Amino acid sequence: MSKAPRTAIVSFIAVFVVVVAVGGVASVVIDDGESTTGPDHIEVENPQFDAERVASDSSPGEASVEMDSTAFQKKVVVHVGAAYTQRDIAPLVNTLIENGHEVTVLAQEGRQFGGGQITFAKGTVDQIAPPTGDDGSQLTGNLEGAQGLVSLGVTTYTDQDLNAIDTFVEENGRIVMGVEPTQEFGFGAGHSQTYSNLGVFTEPGYVYNLAENDLNYQRIFTEPSGTELLTEDVERVVFPSATPVQASNQDETMLPIEGSELSVTREKTEKPVLVRDQNVALIGDTDFLTPENTQRADNDVLVGNIADYLVEADRDVGDNNTEKGEEETESITIEVGPDGENRFSPEVTEIKPGTTVKFVWNSSGHNIVPTNQQPSDAEWGGVPETKEEGYVHEFTFEQEGTHEFVSEPHEEDGMYGVIIVGEP
């Protein structure tokens, strides 16, 4: 009985020695470079890693967000969710301020930028704090006199908010709403009713593209379709993470490029990620507005078009509904050296005769000296002496014409300004 196991062990050792010997020989042959029958290298196709199909430029250049609208001193309300920061909205807000428009920021609970005002590169805007109580509304009253409303990542709308939005749209106010893909799965109260009232809605999931994208598969390229308004002069836009959106009537859309797929189905999709139905636009992303993303593709053009779209609303708001050179306000402020920079803000100001201009020194060491470009009967002499921070100079401009001025200590830095009175 004891011989059978011993025989099996001997057999195993013999087989092992043969295998090791063969392996050793094979190894020697390979090491000597004499073998020519080894397996071929297999090329694996991974289009998502094809450098020629991926926009890998992490520093594509500087954004140039510009407006073409001739509207002036219009009011735009920017309503942001709790996850958003001042930086996220800076490109849009700065563009509106620089072109002479009034911006009011409504910060949802959990996100306040600090104080009653927020300072941006181009000026300051009012911030409205979240209301107290379950029935409080940030929109009621704040949309009064406004042409445009921007809603970014807002998770909750009260009944009062809904009523304010309905009234705003009925009076031809324009709305741009931006949502994130994650919001589609967890909307707060009021979203379904809001979208229903506006004739727009979102769909689950996000759009991605493994073959052609901007740095990663979720940063999709999109192209315009339909009547150009938001998409005028736009060839391509990058949306860092976008969910599909729809509208009852689609006057204008941005569609993902060929080869894009939907996360919930893993199938190719042509569903839009931006839709506009007359005065209502819904965008399935908000990150395209940030400073770094406005540098990508034609994102800066899209942001400028959105600003134009908001202020061009045909909403009758009384004296606020004016064009450049026809503003009804009787006073305006020009900042001298804002944030310690050697410039005037705004650099170009258009007013009607009889308007009082207040020059406020935000930093020290500046004066104001009129140049030779003045109306023949101009009476304004500027402020020849350099003044300290906090100094204020006021003058009422009666004569039509162009009043150019400079801060002499910083003339080489280009610290020039222009006041255009009437229609010279």
Protein backbone atom coordinates (compact mmCIF):
# COMPACT_ATOMS: atom_id res chain seq x y z
CA MET A 1 0.00 0.00 0.00
CA SER A 2 2.91 2.38 0.62
CA LYS A 3 4.38 2.03 -2.91
CA ALA A 4 1.57 3.84 -4.76
CA PRO A 5 2.15 7.30 -3.18
CA ARG A 6 5.91 6.92 -3.62
CA THR A 7 5.41 6.18 -7.33
CA ALA A 8 3.20 9.28 -7.75
CA ILE A 9 5.81 11.46 -6.07
CA VAL A 10 8.58 10.15 -8.30
CA SER A 11 6.45 10.79 -11.40
CA PHE A 12 5.71 14.36 -10.34
CA ILE A 13 9.39 15.11 -9.74
CA ALA A 14 10.25 13.77 -13.18
CA VAL A 15 7.64 15.91 -14.90
CA PHE A 16 8.74 19.00 -12.93
CA VAL A 17 12.37 18.51 -13.95
CA VAL A 18 11.38 18.21 -17.62
CA VAL A 19 9.25 21.39 -17.47
CA VAL A 20 11.98 23.39 -15.74
CA ALA A 21 14.55 22.11 -18.20
CA VAL A 22 12.44 23.06 -21.18
CA GLY A 23 11.73 26.46 -19.67
CA GLY A 24 15.40 27.01 -19.03
CA VAL A 25 16.27 26.13 -22.59
CA ALA A 26 13.55 28.41 -23.93
CA SER A 27 14.83 31.16 -21.73
CA VAL A 28 18.34 30.75 -22.99
CA VAL A 29 17.20 30.78 -26.59
CA ILE A 30 15.25 33.98 -26.02
CA ASP A 31 18.10 35.61 -24.17
CA ASP A 32 20.50 34.73 -26.98
CA GLY A 33 18.18 36.44 -29.47
CA GLU A 34 17.97 33.29 -31.64
CA SER A 35 14.21 32.81 -31.41
CA THR A 36 12.04 34.30 -34.18
CA THR A 37 8.74 32.67 -33.32
CA GLY A 38 7.64 34.80 -30.30
CA PRO A 39 4.11 36.38 -30.11
CA ASP A 40 3.48 39.60 -32.07
CA HIS A 41 2.78 42.90 -30.25
CA ILE A 42 -0.93 43.73 -30.39
CA GLU A 43 -1.94 47.37 -31.00
CA VAL A 44 -4.95 48.30 -28.84
CA GLU A 45 -7.15 51.07 -30.22
CA ASN A 46 -8.08 53.61 -27.51
CA PRO A 47 -9.48 56.68 -29.29
CA GLN A 48 -10.01 58.46 -25.99
CA PHE A 49 -6.23 58.61 -25.60
CA ASP A 50 -5.53 59.75 -29.16
CA ALA A 51 -3.61 63.00 -28.67
CA GLU A 52 -4.73 64.34 -32.04
CA ARG A 53 -8.39 64.10 -31.03
CA VAL A 54 -8.10 65.69 -27.59
CA ALA A 55 -7.74 69.43 -26.98
CA SER A 56 -4.90 69.15 -24.47
CA ASP A 57 -4.04 72.84 -24.29
CA SER A 58 -4.46 73.71 -20.62
CA SER A 59 -3.69 77.41 -21.26
CA PRO A 60 -5.54 78.33 -24.45
CA GLY A 61 -5.25 82.10 -24.04
CA GLU A 62 -7.15 85.02 -22.55
CA ALA A 63 -10.90 85.45 -22.76
CA SER A 64 -12.40 88.53 -24.39
CA VAL A 65 -15.97 88.90 -23.17
CA GLU A 66 -17.59 91.78 -25.06
CA MET A 67 -21.08 93.21 -25.52
CA ASP A 68 -22.57 94.62 -28.72
CA SER A 69 -25.80 95.96 -27.23
CA THR A 70 -26.45 99.72 -27.24
CA ALA A 71 -28.69 99.41 -24.19
CA PHE A 72 -27.47 101.30 -21.14
CA GLN A 73 -28.12 101.25 -17.41
CA LYS A 74 -30.34 98.17 -17.50
CA LYS A 75 -30.81 96.03 -14.40
CA VAL A 76 -29.91 92.34 -14.25
CA VAL A 77 -30.58 90.08 -11.25
CA VAL A 78 -28.16 87.17 -10.69
CA HIS A 79 -29.58 84.46 -8.41
CA VAL A 80 -26.94 81.91 -7.33
CA GLY A 81 -27.14 78.64 -5.41
CA ALA A 82 -25.32 77.90 -2.18
CA ALA A 83 -22.40 76.18 -3.96
CA TYR A 84 -21.39 79.17 -6.05
CA THR A 85 -18.72 81.76 -5.35
CA GLN A 86 -18.08 85.31 -6.48
CA ARG A 87 -15.43 84.01 -8.88
CA ASP A 88 -17.93 81.73 -10.65
CA ILE A 89 -19.97 84.69 -11.89
CA ALA A 90 -17.19 87.26 -12.28
CA PRO A 91 -16.87 87.20 -16.12
CA LEU A 92 -20.58 87.87 -16.67
CA VAL A 93 -20.96 90.41 -13.85
CA ASN A 94 -17.81 92.33 -14.80
CA THR A 95 -18.98 92.56 -18.42
CA LEU A 96 -22.36 93.96 -17.39
CA ILE A 97 -20.78 96.49 -15.00
CA GLU A 98 -18.19 97.60 -17.53
CA ASN A 99 -20.96 98.34 -20.03
CA GLY A 100 -22.88 100.54 -17.60
CA HIS A 101 -25.50 98.11 -16.27
CA GLU A 102 -26.75 97.54 -12.73
CA VAL A 103 -26.33 94.07 -11.22
CA THR A 104 -27.99 92.73 -8.08
CA VAL A 105 -26.81 89.40 -6.66
CA LEU A 106 -29.20 87.21 -4.70
CA ALA A 107 -27.27 84.60 -2.71
CA GLN A 108 -29.13 81.46 -1.68
CA GLU A 109 -28.89 80.41 1.95
CA GLY A 110 -25.45 79.05 2.76
CA ARG A 111 -23.61 81.36 0.36
CA GLN A 112 -23.06 85.01 1.14
CA PHE A 113 -20.18 86.90 -0.40
CA GLY A 114 -19.98 89.27 2.52
CA GLY A 115 -21.55 92.60 3.44
CA GLY A 116 -24.22 94.48 1.60
CA GLN A 117 -22.02 94.94 -1.48
CA ILE A 118 -19.68 92.74 -3.49
CA THR A 119 -16.61 94.25 -5.11
CA PHE A 120 -15.74 92.93 -8.56
CA ALA A 121 -12.85 94.00 -10.79
CA LYS A 122 -15.07 96.45 -12.69
CA GLY A 123 -17.11 97.82 -9.79
CA THR A 124 -19.43 96.95 -6.91
CA VAL A 125 -22.88 95.38 -6.90
CA ASP A 126 -25.57 95.00 -4.26
CA GLN A 127 -26.02 91.67 -2.53
CA ILE A 128 -29.42 90.66 -1.14
CA ALA A 129 -29.18 88.25 1.78
CA PRO A 130 -31.42 85.16 2.00
CA PRO A 131 -34.89 85.89 3.43
CA THR A 132 -36.03 84.60 6.81
CA GLY A 133 -39.00 82.30 7.19
CA ASP A 134 -40.34 79.50 5.00
CA ASP A 135 -42.42 81.83 2.83
CA GLY A 136 -39.70 84.38 2.19
CA SER A 137 -38.89 85.25 -1.41
CA GLN A 138 -35.67 86.70 -2.76
CA LEU A 139 -37.17 87.48 -6.14
CA THR A 140 -40.29 89.40 -5.10
CA GLY A 141 -39.48 93.08 -5.36
CA ASN A 142 -35.92 92.53 -6.60
CA LEU A 143 -37.10 91.87 -10.16
CA GLU A 144 -38.78 95.27 -10.19
CA GLY A 145 -37.13 97.38 -12.85
CA ALA A 146 -35.06 94.47 -14.17
CA GLN A 147 -34.71 93.33 -17.77
CA GLY A 148 -32.85 90.09 -17.12
CA LEU A 149 -32.70 87.27 -14.57
CA VAL A 150 -29.88 84.72 -14.30
CA SER A 151 -30.49 81.65 -12.14
CA LEU A 152 -27.46 79.42 -11.50
CA GLY A 153 -27.74 76.21 -9.50
CA VAL A 154 -30.65 77.44 -7.39
CA THR A 155 -32.18 74.45 -5.58
CA THR A 156 -35.41 75.89 -4.20
CA TYR A 157 -38.14 78.29 -5.30
CA THR A 158 -40.95 79.34 -2.98
CA ASP A 159 -44.50 80.04 -4.13
CA GLN A 160 -43.66 83.75 -3.98
CA ASP A 161 -40.61 83.15 -6.18
CA LEU A 162 -42.75 81.30 -8.72
CA ASN A 163 -45.26 84.14 -8.84
CA ALA A 164 -42.45 86.66 -9.31
CA ILE A 165 -40.94 84.60 -12.15
CA ASP A 166 -44.33 84.17 -13.85
CA THR A 167 -44.99 87.91 -13.72
CA PHE A 168 -41.49 88.68 -14.96
CA VAL A 169 -41.87 86.45 -18.02
CA GLU A 170 -45.37 87.72 -18.78
CA GLU A 171 -43.90 91.23 -18.90
CA ASN A 172 -41.24 90.11 -21.44
CA GLY A 173 -38.37 89.85 -19.00
CA ARG A 174 -35.62 87.47 -20.13
CA ILE A 175 -34.38 84.50 -18.11
CA VAL A 176 -31.22 82.39 -18.39
CA MET A 177 -31.23 79.35 -16.10
CA GLY A 178 -28.16 77.17 -15.61
CA VAL A 179 -28.35 73.74 -13.97
CA GLU A 180 -25.84 71.04 -13.07
CA PRO A 181 -26.39 67.35 -13.95
CA THR A 182 -26.61 66.43 -10.26
CA GLN A 183 -29.53 68.82 -9.81
CA GLU A 184 -31.66 66.76 -12.18
CA PHE A 185 -31.72 63.95 -9.61
CA GLY A 186 -32.48 66.12 -6.60
CA PHE A 187 -34.41 69.25 -7.41
CA GLY A 188 -35.70 71.29 -4.55
CA ALA A 189 -39.25 72.49 -4.15
CA GLY A 190 -40.56 74.57 -6.95
CA HIS A 191 -38.31 73.43 -9.79
CA SER A 192 -40.81 71.20 -11.55
CA GLN A 193 -43.47 73.90 -11.39
CA THR A 194 -41.02 76.56 -12.52
CA TYR A 195 -39.88 74.56 -15.52
CA SER A 196 -43.46 73.69 -16.36
CA ASN A 197 -44.44 77.36 -16.30
CA LEU A 198 -41.48 78.29 -18.48
CA GLY A 199 -41.98 75.43 -20.94
CA VAL A 200 -38.53 73.92 -20.36
CA PHE A 201 -37.20 70.81 -18.62
CA THR A 202 -34.07 68.72 -18.06
CA GLU A 203 -33.35 65.02 -18.56
CA PRO A 204 -31.36 62.58 -16.38
CA GLY A 205 -27.65 61.97 -16.82
CA TYR A 206 -24.78 63.82 -18.40
CA VAL A 207 -23.33 63.91 -21.90
CA TYR A 208 -19.79 62.65 -22.50
CA ASN A 209 -17.47 62.02 -25.44
CA LEU A 210 -14.54 59.59 -25.32
CA ALA A 211 -13.28 60.36 -28.82
CA GLU A 212 -13.13 64.16 -29.00
CA ASN A 213 -13.24 66.35 -25.92
CA ASP A 214 -11.53 69.17 -24.07
CA LEU A 215 -9.08 67.67 -21.54
CA ASN A 216 -11.45 64.93 -20.30
CA TYR A 217 -14.47 62.99 -21.53
CA GLN A 218 -17.07 65.09 -19.68
CA ARG A 219 -15.80 68.36 -21.14
CA ILE A 220 -17.81 68.13 -24.32
CA PHE A 221 -17.74 70.30 -27.44
CA THR A 222 -21.08 71.68 -28.63
CA GLU A 223 -22.20 73.46 -31.79
CA PRO A 224 -25.11 75.89 -32.43
CA SER A 225 -28.31 75.24 -34.30
CA GLY A 226 -31.38 77.37 -35.01
CA THR A 227 -31.89 81.13 -34.88
CA GLU A 228 -28.70 82.83 -33.75
CA LEU A 229 -29.13 85.07 -30.74
CA LEU A 230 -27.25 83.53 -27.85
CA THR A 231 -25.04 81.73 -30.37
CA GLU A 232 -24.25 84.55 -32.79
CA ASP A 233 -20.61 84.27 -33.98
CA VAL A 234 -20.23 81.06 -31.95
CA GLU A 235 -18.70 78.03 -33.65
CA ARG A 236 -17.98 75.80 -30.65
CA VAL A 237 -18.53 75.98 -26.91
CA VAL A 238 -17.08 73.76 -24.18
CA PHE A 239 -19.43 72.63 -21.42
CA PRO A 240 -17.41 71.04 -18.59
CA SER A 241 -20.31 68.87 -17.42
CA ALA A 242 -23.69 69.12 -19.08
CA THR A 243 -27.08 67.47 -18.74
CA PRO A 244 -29.57 67.37 -21.66
CA VAL A 245 -32.27 70.06 -21.68
CA GLN A 246 -35.46 70.54 -23.68
CA ALA A 247 -38.01 73.25 -24.43
CA SER A 248 -41.56 73.24 -25.77
CA ASN A 249 -40.39 75.36 -28.71
CA GLN A 250 -36.72 75.41 -29.57
CA ASP A 251 -35.78 78.64 -31.30
CA GLU A 252 -32.11 78.00 -30.66
CA THR A 253 -29.96 75.12 -29.35
CA MET A 254 -26.41 74.00 -28.66
CA LEU A 255 -25.92 70.34 -29.63
CA PRO A 256 -23.10 67.97 -28.58
CA ILE A 257 -20.79 67.11 -31.46
CA GLU A 258 -20.97 63.77 -33.27
CA GLY A 259 -19.84 60.83 -31.16
CA SER A 260 -21.19 62.16 -27.86
CA GLU A 261 -23.04 59.72 -25.60
CA LEU A 262 -25.49 59.89 -22.69
CA SER A 263 -24.39 58.48 -19.34
CA VAL A 264 -27.69 56.81 -18.43
CA THR A 265 -27.92 54.85 -21.72
CA ARG A 266 -24.29 54.70 -22.95
CA GLU A 267 -25.71 55.37 -26.40
CA LYS A 268 -25.01 58.19 -28.84
CA THR A 269 -27.10 61.29 -28.26
CA GLU A 270 -27.97 64.47 -30.12
CA LYS A 271 -30.04 65.97 -27.33
CA PRO A 272 -29.33 69.67 -26.79
CA VAL A 273 -27.51 70.98 -23.73
CA LEU A 274 -28.72 74.55 -24.34
CA VAL A 275 -32.19 75.56 -25.50
CA ARG A 276 -33.86 78.92 -25.97
CA ASP A 277 -37.57 79.46 -26.39
CA GLN A 278 -38.10 83.19 -27.02
CA ASN A 279 -37.28 84.93 -23.71
CA VAL A 280 -36.38 81.79 -21.75
CA ALA A 281 -33.06 79.96 -22.03
CA LEU A 282 -32.10 76.78 -20.16
CA ILE A 283 -28.48 75.58 -20.06
CA GLY A 284 -27.42 72.18 -18.71
CA ASP A 285 -24.20 73.54 -17.19
CA THR A 286 -22.93 76.52 -15.22
CA ASP A 287 -19.15 76.05 -15.12
CA PHE A 288 -18.71 77.44 -18.65
CA LEU A 289 -19.04 80.90 -17.02
CA THR A 290 -15.92 80.64 -14.82
CA PRO A 291 -12.79 82.64 -15.74
CA GLU A 292 -10.73 79.62 -16.83
CA ASN A 293 -13.54 78.18 -18.94
CA THR A 294 -14.30 81.43 -20.74
CA GLN A 295 -10.86 80.92 -22.31
CA ARG A 296 -11.98 77.71 -24.01
CA ALA A 297 -13.27 77.66 -27.60
CA ASP A 298 -15.94 80.40 -28.07
CA ASN A 299 -17.13 80.40 -24.46
CA ASP A 300 -16.25 84.08 -24.08
CA VAL A 301 -18.42 84.95 -27.08
CA LEU A 302 -21.33 83.01 -25.57
CA VAL A 303 -21.01 84.86 -22.24
CA GLY A 304 -21.01 88.22 -24.05
CA ASN A 305 -24.08 87.16 -26.03
CA ILE A 306 -25.86 86.16 -22.83
CA ALA A 307 -25.17 89.64 -21.41
CA ASP A 308 -26.59 91.23 -24.60
CA TYR A 309 -29.62 88.95 -24.46
CA LEU A 310 -30.42 89.87 -20.86
CA VAL A 311 -30.31 93.65 -21.28
CA GLU A 312 -32.16 93.67 -24.62
CA ALA A 313 -35.44 92.48 -23.11
CA ASP A 314 -38.50 94.39 -24.29
CA ARG A 315 -39.84 94.89 -20.78
CA ASP A 316 -41.41 98.22 -19.93
CA VAL A 317 -39.85 99.30 -16.63
CA GLY A 318 -40.47 103.03 -16.92
CA ASP A 319 -37.52 105.38 -16.65
CA ASN A 320 -35.04 102.49 -16.48
CA ASN A 321 -35.85 101.45 -20.04
CA THR A 322 -33.35 103.70 -21.81
CA GLU A 323 -30.66 103.61 -24.46
CA LYS A 324 -27.09 104.90 -24.22
CA GLY A 325 -27.07 108.69 -24.23
CA GLU A 326 -30.71 108.81 -23.05
CA GLU A 327 -30.44 107.75 -19.41
CA GLU A 328 -32.89 109.39 -17.06
CA THR A 329 -30.81 109.36 -13.90
CA GLU A 330 -29.60 112.78 -12.68
CA SER A 331 -26.30 111.64 -11.18
CA ILE A 332 -23.62 109.07 -11.86
CA THR A 333 -20.40 108.01 -10.08
CA ILE A 334 -16.94 107.55 -11.55
CA GLU A 335 -14.37 105.78 -9.37
CA VAL A 336 -10.84 107.20 -9.36
CA GLY A 337 -8.18 104.52 -8.84
CA PRO A 338 -10.49 101.60 -7.89
CA ASP A 339 -8.71 98.80 -5.99
CA GLY A 340 -5.49 100.81 -6.14
CA GLU A 341 -5.33 100.52 -9.94
CA ASN A 342 -4.35 103.43 -12.15
CA ARG A 343 -7.63 103.79 -14.06
CA PHE A 344 -11.06 105.38 -13.99
CA SER A 345 -14.15 103.20 -13.68
CA PRO A 346 -15.98 103.44 -15.95
CA GLU A 347 -13.51 104.82 -18.47
CA VAL A 348 -16.26 105.96 -20.83
CA THR A 349 -19.45 107.54 -19.48
CA GLU A 350 -22.42 108.72 -21.56
CA ILE A 351 -24.88 111.13 -19.93
CA LYS A 352 -27.56 113.62 -20.86
CA PRO A 353 -27.07 117.38 -20.30
CA GLY A 354 -27.74 118.39 -16.71
CA THR A 355 -26.40 115.18 -15.19
CA THR A 356 -24.21 115.48 -12.10
CA VAL A 357 -21.08 113.32 -12.13
CA LYS A 358 -19.52 112.37 -8.80
CA PHE A 359 -15.80 111.50 -8.88
CA VAL A 360 -14.83 109.36 -5.88
CA TRP A 361 -11.15 108.73 -5.05
CA ASN A 362 -10.73 105.06 -4.08
CA SER A 363 -6.95 105.43 -3.80
CA SER A 364 -4.52 108.28 -3.26
CA GLY A 365 -2.19 110.19 -5.58
CA HIS A 366 -4.54 110.95 -8.48
CA ASN A 367 -5.74 114.19 -10.05
CA ILE A 368 -8.15 114.93 -12.91
CA VAL A 369 -7.04 117.27 -15.67
CA PRO A 370 -9.18 117.93 -18.78
CA THR A 371 -7.30 117.47 -22.08
CA ASN A 372 -7.62 119.61 -25.18
CA GLN A 373 -10.61 117.56 -26.26
CA GLN A 374 -13.39 119.62 -24.66
CA PRO A 375 -16.47 121.50 -25.91
CA SER A 376 -15.62 125.08 -26.88
CA ASP A 377 -17.75 126.50 -24.05
CA ALA A 378 -16.77 123.92 -21.41
CA GLU A 379 -16.68 125.22 -17.84
CA TRP A 380 -15.36 122.10 -16.13
CA GLY A 381 -11.80 122.47 -14.87
CA GLY A 382 -11.32 119.06 -13.26
CA VAL A 383 -9.22 118.64 -10.09
CA PRO A 384 -5.63 119.76 -10.87
CA GLU A 385 -4.23 118.87 -7.43
CA THR A 386 -3.60 115.24 -6.47
CA LYS A 387 -6.00 114.06 -3.81
CA GLU A 388 -6.08 111.37 -1.14
CA GLU A 389 -8.38 108.38 -0.87
CA GLY A 390 -11.91 109.41 0.09
CA TYR A 391 -11.92 112.75 -1.72
CA VAL A 392 -15.09 113.50 -3.72
CA HIS A 393 -15.55 115.96 -6.58
CA GLU A 394 -18.91 116.72 -8.19
CA PHE A 395 -19.75 118.63 -11.35
CA THR A 396 -22.95 119.03 -13.37
CA PHE A 397 -22.28 118.79 -17.11
CA GLU A 398 -24.56 121.06 -19.16
CA GLN A 399 -22.67 121.49 -22.45
CA GLU A 400 -23.10 118.79 -25.05
CA GLY A 401 -19.84 117.36 -26.29
CA THR A 402 -16.93 115.10 -25.42
CA HIS A 403 -14.98 115.79 -22.24
CA GLU A 404 -11.68 113.88 -22.10
CA PHE A 405 -9.54 113.85 -18.98
CA VAL A 406 -6.42 112.26 -17.54
CA SER A 407 -4.68 111.63 -14.23
CA GLU A 408 -1.32 113.29 -14.89
CA PRO A 409 0.77 111.22 -12.42
CA HIS A 410 -0.37 108.07 -14.22
CA GLU A 411 -0.74 109.30 -17.77
CA GLU A 412 1.89 106.83 -18.98
CA ASP A 413 -0.21 104.01 -17.47
CA GLY A 414 -3.11 105.04 -19.70
CA MET A 415 -5.27 106.53 -16.94
CA TYR A 416 -7.66 108.36 -19.25
CA GLY A 417 -11.41 108.90 -19.10
CA VAL A 418 -14.15 110.26 -21.35
CA ILE A 419 -17.54 111.78 -20.55
CA ILE A 420 -19.89 112.14 -23.52
CA VAL A 421 -22.72 114.59 -22.87
CA GLY A 422 -25.80 114.34 -25.09
CA GLU A 423 -25.26 113.43 -28.74
CA PRO A 424 -22.29 115.51 -29.91
